[in-house]
């Protein structure tokens, strides 16, 4: 039996997955291609997106929960994961951009993993894993 190419689901992106207190799920992409799929295909519009500012690093998604906003500590933990999975890992306090996944877009012709973001806030954290 021949496989129908049009219904082939892409394999899930390779990502580190963490569970934060309160049962929040955080995913961090491993490669540029994984980052792009995580940010543009896997993330729901209400998920939170994190990325260390001004240097290479993983795209990090904090999964939204219907009707519940993550508190400041939860967002800071997700931001710390983004800082950890970046070139800032060995540094001190690092600036991390945070926005809703709906504000993450890809520019035409941009290389894999390169995105544009709008309406971001900056969270300053030390790189860490939960």
C-alpha atoms as a PDB file:
ATOM      1  CA  UNK A   1       0.000   0.000   0.000  1.00  0.00           C
ATOM      2  CA  UNK A   2       1.390   3.392  -0.989  1.00  0.00           C
ATOM      3  CA  UNK A   3       1.641   6.116   1.614  1.00  0.00           C
ATOM      4  CA  UNK A   4      -0.259   9.284   0.749  1.00  0.00           C
ATOM      5  CA  UNK A   5       2.285  12.097   0.962  1.00  0.00           C
ATOM      6  CA  UNK A   6      -0.357  14.754   1.543  1.00  0.00           C
ATOM      7  CA  UNK A   7      -1.426  13.289   4.877  1.00  0.00           C
ATOM      8  CA  UNK A   8       2.044  12.622   6.279  1.00  0.00           C
ATOM      9  CA  UNK A   9       2.397  14.354   9.634  1.00  0.00           C
ATOM     10  CA  UNK A  10       5.859  15.839  10.172  1.00  0.00           C
ATOM     11  CA  UNK A  11       7.696  14.207  13.042  1.00  0.00           C
ATOM     12  CA  UNK A  12       7.441  16.277  16.214  1.00  0.00           C
ATOM     13  CA  UNK A  13      10.261  18.770  16.709  1.00  0.00           C
ATOM     14  CA  UNK A  14      13.127  17.679  18.916  1.00  0.00           C
ATOM     15  CA  UNK A  15      12.712  19.614  22.133  1.00  0.00           C
ATOM     16  CA  UNK A  16      13.575  19.490  25.790  1.00  0.00           C
ATOM     17  CA  UNK A  17      10.372  19.363  27.852  1.00  0.00           C
ATOM     18  CA  UNK A  18      10.100  20.555  31.443  1.00  0.00           C
ATOM     19  CA  UNK A  19       7.242  20.564  33.945  1.00  0.00           C
ATOM     20  CA  UNK A  20       7.088  23.581  36.235  1.00  0.00           C
ATOM     21  CA  UNK A  21       5.276  23.846  39.586  1.00  0.00           C
ATOM     22  CA  UNK A  22       1.531  24.148  38.969  1.00  0.00           C
ATOM     23  CA  UNK A  23       1.840  21.587  36.150  1.00  0.00           C
ATOM     24  CA  UNK A  24       2.922  24.105  33.490  1.00  0.00           C
ATOM     25  CA  UNK A  25       4.685  22.598  30.461  1.00  0.00           C
ATOM     26  CA  UNK A  26       7.711  24.266  28.885  1.00  0.00           C
ATOM     27  CA  UNK A  27       9.327  23.130  25.616  1.00  0.00           C
ATOM     28  CA  UNK A  28      12.704  24.305  24.276  1.00  0.00           C
ATOM     29  CA  UNK A  29      13.767  23.634  20.672  1.00  0.00           C
ATOM     30  CA  UNK A  30      17.087  21.885  19.988  1.00  0.00           C
ATOM     31  CA  UNK A  31      17.930  23.136  16.461  1.00  0.00           C
ATOM     32  CA  UNK A  32      16.982  26.085  14.222  1.00  0.00           C
ATOM     33  CA  UNK A  33      14.485  23.875  12.379  1.00  0.00           C
ATOM     34  CA  UNK A  34      13.010  22.570  15.657  1.00  0.00           C
ATOM     35  CA  UNK A  35      12.771  26.138  16.980  1.00  0.00           C
ATOM     36  CA  UNK A  36      10.864  27.212  13.901  1.00  0.00           C
ATOM     37  CA  UNK A  37       8.431  24.279  14.026  1.00  0.00           C
ATOM     38  CA  UNK A  38       7.912  24.760  17.761  1.00  0.00           C
ATOM     39  CA  UNK A  39       7.257  28.511  17.401  1.00  0.00           C
ATOM     40  CA  UNK A  40       5.189  28.521  14.209  1.00  0.00           C
ATOM     41  CA  UNK A  41       3.481  25.108  14.018  1.00  0.00           C
ATOM     42  CA  UNK A  42       3.281  23.554  17.495  1.00  0.00           C
ATOM     43  CA  UNK A  43       2.642  26.612  19.671  1.00  0.00           C
ATOM     44  CA  UNK A  44      -0.991  27.655  20.090  1.00  0.00           C
ATOM     45  CA  UNK A  45      -1.762  31.389  19.715  1.00  0.00           C
ATOM     46  CA  UNK A  46      -2.187  31.799  23.492  1.00  0.00           C
ATOM     47  CA  UNK A  47       1.027  29.983  24.426  1.00  0.00           C
ATOM     48  CA  UNK A  48       3.863  32.140  25.744  1.00  0.00           C
ATOM     49  CA  UNK A  49       7.089  32.382  23.692  1.00  0.00           C
ATOM     50  CA  UNK A  50      10.526  33.145  25.132  1.00  0.00           C
ATOM     51  CA  UNK A  51      13.942  33.804  23.596  1.00  0.00           C
ATOM     52  CA  UNK A  52      17.145  35.267  24.959  1.00  0.00           C
ATOM     53  CA  UNK A  53      17.734  38.738  23.495  1.00  0.00           C
ATOM     54  CA  UNK A  54      20.495  39.560  21.007  1.00  0.00           C
ATOM     55  CA  UNK A  55      22.145  36.127  20.826  1.00  0.00           C
ATOM     56  CA  UNK A  56      21.500  32.598  19.543  1.00  0.00           C
ATOM     57  CA  UNK A  57      19.357  30.326  21.668  1.00  0.00           C
ATOM     58  CA  UNK A  58      16.400  27.982  21.834  1.00  0.00           C
ATOM     59  CA  UNK A  59      12.852  29.115  21.202  1.00  0.00           C
ATOM     60  CA  UNK A  60      10.964  28.271  24.388  1.00  0.00           C
ATOM     61  CA  UNK A  61       7.196  27.754  24.646  1.00  0.00           C
ATOM     62  CA  UNK A  62       5.192  27.896  27.872  1.00  0.00           C
ATOM     63  CA  UNK A  63       1.948  26.059  27.156  1.00  0.00           C
ATOM     64  CA  UNK A  64      -1.142  28.116  27.977  1.00  0.00           C
ATOM     65  CA  UNK A  65      -3.933  26.742  30.160  1.00  0.00           C
ATOM     66  CA  UNK A  66      -7.523  27.752  29.332  1.00  0.00           C
ATOM     67  CA  UNK A  67      -8.640  30.583  31.594  1.00  0.00           C
ATOM     68  CA  UNK A  68      -5.464  30.632  33.731  1.00  0.00           C
ATOM     69  CA  UNK A  69      -2.637  33.146  33.382  1.00  0.00           C
ATOM     70  CA  UNK A  70       0.824  31.948  34.381  1.00  0.00           C
ATOM     71  CA  UNK A  71       2.078  33.937  37.369  1.00  0.00           C
ATOM     72  CA  UNK A  72       5.256  35.997  37.340  1.00  0.00           C
ATOM     73  CA  UNK A  73       7.343  33.187  38.860  1.00  0.00           C
ATOM     74  CA  UNK A  74       6.192  30.722  36.198  1.00  0.00           C
ATOM     75  CA  UNK A  75       7.127  33.150  33.412  1.00  0.00           C
ATOM     76  CA  UNK A  76      10.487  33.803  35.092  1.00  0.00           C
ATOM     77  CA  UNK A  77      11.190  30.048  35.232  1.00  0.00           C
ATOM     78  CA  UNK A  78      10.362  29.718  31.514  1.00  0.00           C
ATOM     79  CA  UNK A  79      12.610  32.729  30.779  1.00  0.00           C
ATOM     80  CA  UNK A  80      15.427  31.141  32.819  1.00  0.00           C
ATOM     81  CA  UNK A  81      15.091  27.976  30.688  1.00  0.00           C
ATOM     82  CA  UNK A  82      15.381  30.121  27.530  1.00  0.00           C
ATOM     83  CA  UNK A  83      18.529  31.760  28.953  1.00  0.00           C
ATOM     84  CA  UNK A  84      19.948  28.340  29.892  1.00  0.00           C
ATOM     85  CA  UNK A  85      19.444  26.990  26.356  1.00  0.00           C
ATOM     86  CA  UNK A  86      21.389  29.887  24.807  1.00  0.00           C
ATOM     87  CA  UNK A  87      24.880  31.340  24.549  1.00  0.00           C
ATOM     88  CA  UNK A  88      24.091  33.197  27.804  1.00  0.00           C
ATOM     89  CA  UNK A  89      24.152  29.943  29.809  1.00  0.00           C
ATOM     90  CA  UNK A  90      27.454  30.708  31.551  1.00  0.00           C
ATOM     91  CA  UNK A  91      26.644  34.357  32.191  1.00  0.00           C
ATOM     92  CA  UNK A  92      24.822  36.249  34.902  1.00  0.00           C
ATOM     93  CA  UNK A  93      21.513  38.046  34.626  1.00  0.00           C
ATOM     94  CA  UNK A  94      20.230  37.832  31.054  1.00  0.00           C
ATOM     95  CA  UNK A  95      17.454  39.671  29.190  1.00  0.00           C
ATOM     96  CA  UNK A  96      14.813  37.358  27.703  1.00  0.00           C
ATOM     97  CA  UNK A  97      11.986  38.448  25.392  1.00  0.00           C
ATOM     98  CA  UNK A  98       8.515  37.122  26.165  1.00  0.00           C
ATOM     99  CA  UNK A  99       5.371  37.425  24.042  1.00  0.00           C
ATOM    100  CA  UNK A 100       2.301  35.424  23.075  1.00  0.00           C
ATOM    101  CA  UNK A 101       3.026  32.886  20.339  1.00  0.00           C
ATOM    102  CA  UNK A 102       0.484  34.677  18.098  1.00  0.00           C
ATOM    103  CA  UNK A 103       2.941  37.598  17.835  1.00  0.00           C
ATOM    104  CA  UNK A 104       5.763  35.389  16.485  1.00  0.00           C
ATOM    105  CA  UNK A 105       6.022  35.409  12.685  1.00  0.00           C
ATOM    106  CA  UNK A 106       8.544  34.434  10.051  1.00  0.00           C
ATOM    107  CA  UNK A 107       9.799  36.917   7.487  1.00  0.00           C
ATOM    108  CA  UNK A 108       9.698  35.698   3.881  1.00  0.00           C
ATOM    109  CA  UNK A 109      13.043  34.210   2.927  1.00  0.00           C
ATOM    110  CA  UNK A 110      14.477  34.349   6.460  1.00  0.00           C
ATOM    111  CA  UNK A 111      16.678  31.424   7.466  1.00  0.00           C
ATOM    112  CA  UNK A 112      15.341  28.625   9.672  1.00  0.00           C
ATOM    113  CA  UNK A 113      14.795  29.672  13.255  1.00  0.00           C
ATOM    114  CA  UNK A 114      14.733  33.394  12.441  1.00  0.00           C
ATOM    115  CA  UNK A 115      11.474  35.029  13.487  1.00  0.00           C
ATOM    116  CA  UNK A 116       9.995  38.460  14.073  1.00  0.00           C
ATOM    117  CA  UNK A 117       8.200  39.240  17.303  1.00  0.00           C
ATOM    118  CA  UNK A 118       5.829  41.978  18.413  1.00  0.00           C
ATOM    119  CA  UNK A 119       4.504  43.156  21.782  1.00  0.00           C
ATOM    120  CA  UNK A 120       7.283  41.550  23.768  1.00  0.00           C
ATOM    121  CA  UNK A 121       8.191  42.263  27.360  1.00  0.00           C
ATOM    122  CA  UNK A 122      11.697  41.740  28.740  1.00  0.00           C
ATOM    123  CA  UNK A 123      12.270  39.526  31.756  1.00  0.00           C
ATOM    124  CA  UNK A 124      15.702  39.577  33.420  1.00  0.00           C
ATOM    125  CA  UNK A 125      16.751  36.208  34.839  1.00  0.00           C
ATOM    126  CA  UNK A 126      19.749  34.034  35.576  1.00  0.00           C
ATOM    127  CA  UNK A 127      20.066  30.999  33.263  1.00  0.00           C
ATOM    128  CA  UNK A 128      18.657  27.955  35.087  1.00  0.00           C
ATOM    129  CA  UNK A 129      16.705  24.741  34.722  1.00  0.00           C
ATOM    130  CA  UNK A 130      13.762  23.952  37.002  1.00  0.00           C
END
